[in-house]
Structure formats: C-alpha cells, structure tokens
Amino acid sequence: MLQAHGVQVIDNINMVTCGGQATIPIVAAASRVSKVHYGEIVASIVSKSEGPGTRANIDEFTETTRAVIEKLGRAERGKSIIVLNTAEPPLIMRDTVFGLSELVDQALVEKCILDMVADVRAYVPGYRLMQEVPFEVVPPHAPLNAPGIGPGVRLPLGMPEDQGRRLCQSSLLVLISARRSVHGPAVVKERPPSGAPA
C-alpha cells in the first residue's frame, strides 16, 4: 500500500526506543546550532505498560538509545536512563533531556527546539514540551560549586550546607578512587601540625 503512494519500503528498520523517539529530536535540534558535548535523556515510563521483553532488555534499551543520541542527536557523548514508574493511577510517559553544549545564543537554541517540537507534533499528535526550555550557563573557571567550598553549582533546595560539604567530600573520595584505578595510588601528604617544621 505504501509503495502505491511512492513511499520506499525498507525491510529492516529500527525505531530505537520509545524514550529515544521522544527525546533524540530535541538533542538533534540543539545540535543544529551548537556543538553538544553531552546529551542525556531520562525516560520515565509507566511500569504496567512495559512487558517482559523490555524488562529483560533494559541494558539494550539504554545502550541503543545512548548510541542514537550520539549518532542522530550528534552529541559527542550520550547517556540514557530508564525509570519504570509504578505510580497509581498510571501516569503518562514523561521524558527529560539534559545537554551540555558550547555557549551560543539561547534564543536560537530555543527556536530550534520549538521548531523541532512542531515538526514532531505533525506526525505525533499531542507531542509537546511541558515547560519552557531552561538554560544554565556554567562558567569555565568554576564548573563545580557547593556553598562554603566554591562558586558554581547549587545544592538542591533545602539541603543544609554541612550536608553539601559531606556530599562534595564523598564525591572527591569517589574521584580519588577512580583516579587510583586509572593512574595508580594517589599520593596524599599529611599537613604538619601548625608550628611544626615542614
């Protein structure tokens, strides 16, 4: 039937994943006007709608979607996360897209994203953004920040500052552990007591 309308039929086509179909167009839209270093999608899917095939292949879901974020979305690195939502009554599927890109005109990026949403809506009625496109500029001199430690990243609302310090210390320990596994043991010199010769 499709051939009668001049449509070329392909025997083997991969539709990626539901999360990928919903989110990769947004990453691709941002890639039209900016170099996207990192693209991440979080697909929150109703648990009851996922059968045994998806449940048995969650690793394949995340790997396939990640690969397409990089290939079609044109992000240098991609990441895909799936959340099986058990809420009652079941909620509609929600997806979130995060990106880290070169600094460009935010209005231009937003326009590309809104144009892409309109393009997708033409063949997927009901496809829409649930909020305005948010932007956060990360200064190159301060990519990480926690109150009392340094300027840059904000702690979640309501998190006490001492909890934030512990969180950052834990993160540093993880980074040191990761560094050890790649570069060998880190050398840590203890600070001499005040007044003692160095």
C-alpha atoms as a PDB file:
ATOM      1  CA  MET A   1       0.000   0.000   0.000  1.00  0.00           C
ATOM      2  CA  LEU A   2       2.809   2.445   0.852  1.00  0.00           C
ATOM      3  CA  GLN A   3       4.539   1.721  -2.461  1.00  0.00           C
ATOM      4  CA  ALA A   4       1.390   2.883  -4.287  1.00  0.00           C
ATOM      5  CA  HIS A   5       1.940   6.321  -2.735  1.00  0.00           C
ATOM      6  CA  GLY A   6       5.587   6.477  -3.776  1.00  0.00           C
ATOM      7  CA  VAL A   7       6.988   5.565  -0.357  1.00  0.00           C
ATOM      8  CA  GLN A   8      10.094   3.397  -0.414  1.00  0.00           C
ATOM      9  CA  VAL A   9       9.641   0.461   1.948  1.00  0.00           C
ATOM     10  CA  ILE A  10      12.644  -0.666   3.958  1.00  0.00           C
ATOM     11  CA  ASP A  11      12.631  -4.256   5.169  1.00  0.00           C
ATOM     12  CA  ASN A  12      14.763  -3.753   8.270  1.00  0.00           C
ATOM     13  CA  ILE A  13      14.177  -0.542  10.211  1.00  0.00           C
ATOM     14  CA  ASN A  14      14.978   0.129  13.865  1.00  0.00           C
ATOM     15  CA  MET A  15      12.597   2.515  15.614  1.00  0.00           C
ATOM     16  CA  VAL A  16      15.063   2.780  18.539  1.00  0.00           C
ATOM     17  CA  THR A  17      13.096   3.005  21.798  1.00  0.00           C
ATOM     18  CA  CYS A  18      10.042   4.963  22.901  1.00  0.00           C
ATOM     19  CA  GLY A  19      12.281   7.192  25.037  1.00  0.00           C
ATOM     20  CA  GLY A  20      14.647   7.697  22.136  1.00  0.00           C
ATOM     21  CA  GLN A  21      11.872   8.566  19.691  1.00  0.00           C
ATOM     22  CA  ALA A  22      10.551  11.198  22.098  1.00  0.00           C
ATOM     23  CA  THR A  23      13.852  12.822  23.084  1.00  0.00           C
ATOM     24  CA  ILE A  24      16.506  12.456  20.399  1.00  0.00           C
ATOM     25  CA  PRO A  25      14.822  15.066  18.173  1.00  0.00           C
ATOM     26  CA  ILE A  26      15.422  17.618  20.964  1.00  0.00           C
ATOM     27  CA  VAL A  27      19.129  16.761  21.175  1.00  0.00           C
ATOM     28  CA  ALA A  28      19.355  16.938  17.367  1.00  0.00           C
ATOM     29  CA  ALA A  29      17.644  20.345  17.385  1.00  0.00           C
ATOM     30  CA  ALA A  30      20.213  21.755  19.814  1.00  0.00           C
ATOM     31  CA  SER A  31      22.991  20.213  17.682  1.00  0.00           C
ATOM     32  CA  ARG A  32      21.836  22.239  14.678  1.00  0.00           C
ATOM     33  CA  VAL A  33      23.145  25.453  16.232  1.00  0.00           C
ATOM     34  CA  SER A  34      25.650  24.361  18.877  1.00  0.00           C
ATOM     35  CA  LYS A  35      28.221  21.673  19.482  1.00  0.00           C
ATOM     36  CA  VAL A  36      26.619  19.327  22.031  1.00  0.00           C
ATOM     37  CA  HIS A  37      29.346  17.760  24.153  1.00  0.00           C
ATOM     38  CA  TYR A  38      26.951  15.642  26.219  1.00  0.00           C
ATOM     39  CA  GLY A  39      23.306  14.660  25.789  1.00  0.00           C
ATOM     40  CA  GLU A  40      21.349  12.746  28.404  1.00  0.00           C
ATOM     41  CA  ILE A  41      17.760  11.543  28.374  1.00  0.00           C
ATOM     42  CA  VAL A  42      15.690  10.203  31.239  1.00  0.00           C
ATOM     43  CA  ALA A  43      12.633   8.224  30.138  1.00  0.00           C
ATOM     44  CA  SER A  44      10.007   7.767  32.856  1.00  0.00           C
ATOM     45  CA  ILE A  45       7.711   5.027  31.604  1.00  0.00           C
ATOM     46  CA  VAL A  46       4.598   3.507  33.175  1.00  0.00           C
ATOM     47  CA  SER A  47       5.692   0.202  34.672  1.00  0.00           C
ATOM     48  CA  LYS A  48       2.463  -1.581  33.723  1.00  0.00           C
ATOM     49  CA  SER A  49       2.974  -0.749  30.042  1.00  0.00           C
ATOM     50  CA  GLU A  50       6.343  -2.499  29.909  1.00  0.00           C
ATOM     51  CA  GLY A  51       6.186  -6.171  29.103  1.00  0.00           C
ATOM     52  CA  PRO A  52       8.715  -8.912  29.794  1.00  0.00           C
ATOM     53  CA  GLY A  53      10.679  -8.073  26.631  1.00  0.00           C
ATOM     54  CA  THR A  54      11.546  -4.546  27.784  1.00  0.00           C
ATOM     55  CA  ARG A  55      12.172  -5.660  31.343  1.00  0.00           C
ATOM     56  CA  ALA A  56      14.567  -8.361  30.172  1.00  0.00           C
ATOM     57  CA  ASN A  57      16.404  -5.934  27.874  1.00  0.00           C
ATOM     58  CA  ILE A  58      16.785  -2.725  29.896  1.00  0.00           C
ATOM     59  CA  ASP A  59      20.544  -2.738  29.211  1.00  0.00           C
ATOM     60  CA  GLU A  60      19.812  -2.913  25.500  1.00  0.00           C
ATOM     61  CA  PHE A  61      17.300  -0.048  25.887  1.00  0.00           C
ATOM     62  CA  THR A  62      19.905   2.195  27.487  1.00  0.00           C
ATOM     63  CA  GLU A  63      22.752   1.228  25.131  1.00  0.00           C
ATOM     64  CA  THR A  64      20.689   1.515  21.943  1.00  0.00           C
ATOM     65  CA  THR A  65      19.248   4.868  22.973  1.00  0.00           C
ATOM     66  CA  ARG A  66      22.685   6.166  24.019  1.00  0.00           C
ATOM     67  CA  ALA A  67      24.137   5.206  20.637  1.00  0.00           C
ATOM     68  CA  VAL A  68      21.390   7.046  18.779  1.00  0.00           C
ATOM     69  CA  ILE A  69      21.813  10.153  20.979  1.00  0.00           C
ATOM     70  CA  GLU A  70      25.369  10.222  19.651  1.00  0.00           C
ATOM     71  CA  LYS A  71      24.648   9.245  16.020  1.00  0.00           C
ATOM     72  CA  LEU A  72      21.376  11.005  15.190  1.00  0.00           C
ATOM     73  CA  GLY A  73      21.397  13.544  18.004  1.00  0.00           C
ATOM     74  CA  ARG A  74      25.045  14.366  17.169  1.00  0.00           C
ATOM     75  CA  ALA A  75      26.113  14.616  20.816  1.00  0.00           C
ATOM     76  CA  GLU A  76      29.766  13.741  21.400  1.00  0.00           C
ATOM     77  CA  ARG A  77      28.705  11.569  24.352  1.00  0.00           C
ATOM     78  CA  GLY A  78      25.285  10.305  25.249  1.00  0.00           C
ATOM     79  CA  LYS A  79      23.564   8.691  28.191  1.00  0.00           C
ATOM     80  CA  SER A  80      20.149   7.090  28.534  1.00  0.00           C
ATOM     81  CA  ILE A  81      18.324   6.354  31.772  1.00  0.00           C
ATOM     82  CA  ILE A  82      15.024   4.489  32.083  1.00  0.00           C
ATOM     83  CA  VAL A  83      12.713   4.792  35.091  1.00  0.00           C
ATOM     84  CA  LEU A  84       9.850   2.324  35.380  1.00  0.00           C
ATOM     85  CA  ASN A  85       7.211   4.384  37.198  1.00  0.00           C
ATOM     86  CA  THR A  86       4.858   2.340  39.403  1.00  0.00           C
ATOM     87  CA  ALA A  87       2.550   5.247  40.291  1.00  0.00           C
ATOM     88  CA  GLU A  88      -1.181   4.564  40.687  1.00  0.00           C
ATOM     89  CA  PRO A  89      -3.102   5.632  38.768  1.00  0.00           C
ATOM     90  CA  PRO A  90      -0.562   5.206  35.958  1.00  0.00           C
ATOM     91  CA  LEU A  91       0.905   8.454  34.616  1.00  0.00           C
ATOM     92  CA  ILE A  92       1.594   9.396  31.034  1.00  0.00           C
ATOM     93  CA  MET A  93       5.188   8.812  29.873  1.00  0.00           C
ATOM     94  CA  ARG A  94       7.470  11.757  30.660  1.00  0.00           C
ATOM     95  CA  ASP A  95      10.948  12.340  29.301  1.00  0.00           C
ATOM     96  CA  THR A  96      13.654  14.788  30.310  1.00  0.00           C
ATOM     97  CA  VAL A  97      16.551  15.936  28.145  1.00  0.00           C
ATOM     98  CA  PHE A  98      19.782  17.395  29.520  1.00  0.00           C
ATOM     99  CA  GLY A  99      22.551  18.796  27.385  1.00  0.00           C
ATOM    100  CA  LEU A 100      25.952  20.377  27.779  1.00  0.00           C
ATOM    101  CA  SER A 101      26.870  22.456  24.770  1.00  0.00           C
ATOM    102  CA  GLU A 102      29.016  25.301  23.558  1.00  0.00           C
ATOM    103  CA  LEU A 103      27.779  28.710  24.643  1.00  0.00           C
ATOM    104  CA  VAL A 104      25.550  30.111  21.889  1.00  0.00           C
ATOM    105  CA  ASP A 105      22.543  32.402  21.570  1.00  0.00           C
ATOM    106  CA  GLN A 106      19.932  30.831  23.863  1.00  0.00           C
ATOM    107  CA  ALA A 107      17.050  32.260  21.826  1.00  0.00           C
ATOM    108  CA  LEU A 108      18.406  30.479  18.740  1.00  0.00           C
ATOM    109  CA  VAL A 109      18.654  27.142  20.577  1.00  0.00           C
ATOM    110  CA  GLU A 110      15.139  27.572  21.965  1.00  0.00           C
ATOM    111  CA  LYS A 111      13.769  28.395  18.492  1.00  0.00           C
ATOM    112  CA  CYS A 112      15.376  25.256  17.022  1.00  0.00           C
ATOM    113  CA  ILE A 113      13.874  23.132  19.810  1.00  0.00           C
ATOM    114  CA  LEU A 114      10.400  24.663  19.400  1.00  0.00           C
ATOM    115  CA  ASP A 115      10.584  24.173  15.617  1.00  0.00           C
ATOM    116  CA  MET A 116      11.543  20.515  16.156  1.00  0.00           C
ATOM    117  CA  VAL A 117       8.631  20.032  18.583  1.00  0.00           C
ATOM    118  CA  ALA A 118       6.275  21.400  15.914  1.00  0.00           C
ATOM    119  CA  ASP A 119       7.823  19.067  13.297  1.00  0.00           C
ATOM    120  CA  VAL A 120       7.377  16.011  15.533  1.00  0.00           C
ATOM    121  CA  ARG A 121       3.848  17.072  16.518  1.00  0.00           C
ATOM    122  CA  ALA A 122       2.926  16.960  12.811  1.00  0.00           C
ATOM    123  CA  TYR A 123       3.214  13.152  12.915  1.00  0.00           C
ATOM    124  CA  VAL A 124       2.779  12.527  16.685  1.00  0.00           C
ATOM    125  CA  PRO A 125      -0.312  14.466  17.814  1.00  0.00           C
ATOM    126  CA  GLY A 126      -0.015  15.553  21.436  1.00  0.00           C
ATOM    127  CA  TYR A 127       3.817  15.765  21.434  1.00  0.00           C
ATOM    128  CA  ARG A 128       4.724  18.869  23.433  1.00  0.00           C
ATOM    129  CA  LEU A 129       7.127  20.469  25.872  1.00  0.00           C
ATOM    130  CA  MET A 130       5.853  20.632  29.419  1.00  0.00           C
ATOM    131  CA  GLN A 131       7.882  23.730  30.339  1.00  0.00           C
ATOM    132  CA  GLU A 132       9.967  26.460  28.804  1.00  0.00           C
ATOM    133  CA  VAL A 133      13.455  25.471  27.694  1.00  0.00           C
ATOM    134  CA  PRO A 134      15.689  26.145  30.738  1.00  0.00           C
ATOM    135  CA  PHE A 135      19.297  27.292  30.395  1.00  0.00           C
ATOM    136  CA  GLU A 136      22.124  27.476  32.890  1.00  0.00           C
ATOM    137  CA  VAL A 137      25.465  28.967  31.984  1.00  0.00           C
ATOM    138  CA  VAL A 138      28.340  27.136  33.646  1.00  0.00           C
ATOM    139  CA  PRO A 139      31.363  29.427  33.961  1.00  0.00           C
ATOM    140  CA  PRO A 140      34.517  27.744  32.613  1.00  0.00           C
ATOM    141  CA  HIS A 141      36.525  28.904  35.646  1.00  0.00           C
ATOM    142  CA  ALA A 142      34.049  27.359  38.137  1.00  0.00           C
ATOM    143  CA  PRO A 143      32.422  24.206  36.764  1.00  0.00           C
ATOM    144  CA  LEU A 144      31.710  22.819  40.266  1.00  0.00           C
ATOM    145  CA  ASN A 145      30.387  24.657  43.280  1.00  0.00           C
ATOM    146  CA  ALA A 146      28.913  23.958  46.665  1.00  0.00           C
ATOM    147  CA  PRO A 147      28.229  26.597  49.334  1.00  0.00           C
ATOM    148  CA  GLY A 148      31.233  27.033  51.591  1.00  0.00           C
ATOM    149  CA  ILE A 149      33.514  25.228  49.128  1.00  0.00           C
ATOM    150  CA  GLY A 150      33.493  27.226  45.910  1.00  0.00           C
ATOM    151  CA  PRO A 151      31.397  29.110  43.330  1.00  0.00           C
ATOM    152  CA  GLY A 152      29.335  27.359  40.612  1.00  0.00           C
ATOM    153  CA  VAL A 153      26.830  24.518  41.204  1.00  0.00           C
ATOM    154  CA  ARG A 154      23.823  24.981  43.534  1.00  0.00           C
ATOM    155  CA  LEU A 155      22.770  22.429  46.137  1.00  0.00           C
ATOM    156  CA  PRO A 156      19.218  21.073  45.965  1.00  0.00           C
ATOM    157  CA  LEU A 157      16.686  23.328  47.683  1.00  0.00           C
ATOM    158  CA  GLY A 158      16.616  22.715  51.408  1.00  0.00           C
ATOM    159  CA  MET A 159      19.898  20.794  51.606  1.00  0.00           C
ATOM    160  CA  PRO A 160      21.882  22.025  54.628  1.00  0.00           C
ATOM    161  CA  GLU A 161      25.311  23.412  53.840  1.00  0.00           C
ATOM    162  CA  ASP A 162      27.127  20.824  56.016  1.00  0.00           C
ATOM    163  CA  GLN A 163      25.318  18.050  54.136  1.00  0.00           C
ATOM    164  CA  GLY A 164      26.509  19.680  50.917  1.00  0.00           C
ATOM    165  CA  ARG A 165      30.103  19.653  52.178  1.00  0.00           C
ATOM    166  CA  ARG A 166      29.826  15.943  53.036  1.00  0.00           C
ATOM    167  CA  LEU A 167      28.352  15.280  49.601  1.00  0.00           C
ATOM    168  CA  CYS A 168      31.286  17.054  47.934  1.00  0.00           C
ATOM    169  CA  GLN A 169      33.796  15.241  50.150  1.00  0.00           C
ATOM    170  CA  SER A 170      32.179  11.933  49.182  1.00  0.00           C
ATOM    171  CA  SER A 171      32.355  12.922  45.532  1.00  0.00           C
ATOM    172  CA  LEU A 172      36.039  13.760  45.910  1.00  0.00           C
ATOM    173  CA  LEU A 173      36.666  10.370  47.506  1.00  0.00           C
ATOM    174  CA  VAL A 174      34.940   8.687  44.574  1.00  0.00           C
ATOM    175  CA  LEU A 175      37.043  10.723  42.152  1.00  0.00           C
ATOM    176  CA  ILE A 176      40.229   9.839  44.030  1.00  0.00           C
ATOM    177  CA  SER A 177      39.215   6.161  43.966  1.00  0.00           C
ATOM    178  CA  ALA A 178      38.539   6.367  40.243  1.00  0.00           C
ATOM    179  CA  ARG A 179      41.862   8.119  39.706  1.00  0.00           C
ATOM    180  CA  ARG A 180      43.678   5.374  41.607  1.00  0.00           C
ATOM    181  CA  SER A 181      42.175   2.690  39.433  1.00  0.00           C
ATOM    182  CA  VAL A 182      43.335   4.512  36.292  1.00  0.00           C
ATOM    183  CA  HIS A 183      46.581   6.177  37.368  1.00  0.00           C
ATOM    184  CA  GLY A 184      47.685   4.129  40.373  1.00  0.00           C
ATOM    185  CA  PRO A 185      47.558   5.237  44.002  1.00  0.00           C
ATOM    186  CA  ALA A 186      47.254   8.935  44.689  1.00  0.00           C
ATOM    187  CA  VAL A 187      49.953  10.426  46.899  1.00  0.00           C
ATOM    188  CA  VAL A 188      48.407  12.313  49.807  1.00  0.00           C
ATOM    189  CA  LYS A 189      50.746  14.274  52.065  1.00  0.00           C
ATOM    190  CA  GLU A 190      49.517  14.941  55.545  1.00  0.00           C
ATOM    191  CA  ARG A 191      49.689  18.537  56.658  1.00  0.00           C
ATOM    192  CA  PRO A 192      52.126  19.041  59.568  1.00  0.00           C
ATOM    193  CA  PRO A 193      50.624  20.450  62.772  1.00  0.00           C
ATOM    194  CA  SER A 194      50.703  24.226  62.942  1.00  0.00           C
ATOM    195  CA  GLY A 195      54.049  25.473  64.204  1.00  0.00           C
ATOM    196  CA  ALA A 196      55.842  22.225  63.326  1.00  0.00           C
ATOM    197  CA  PRO A 197      58.665  22.341  60.782  1.00  0.00           C
ATOM    198  CA  ALA A 198      57.595  21.261  57.312  1.00  0.00           C
END
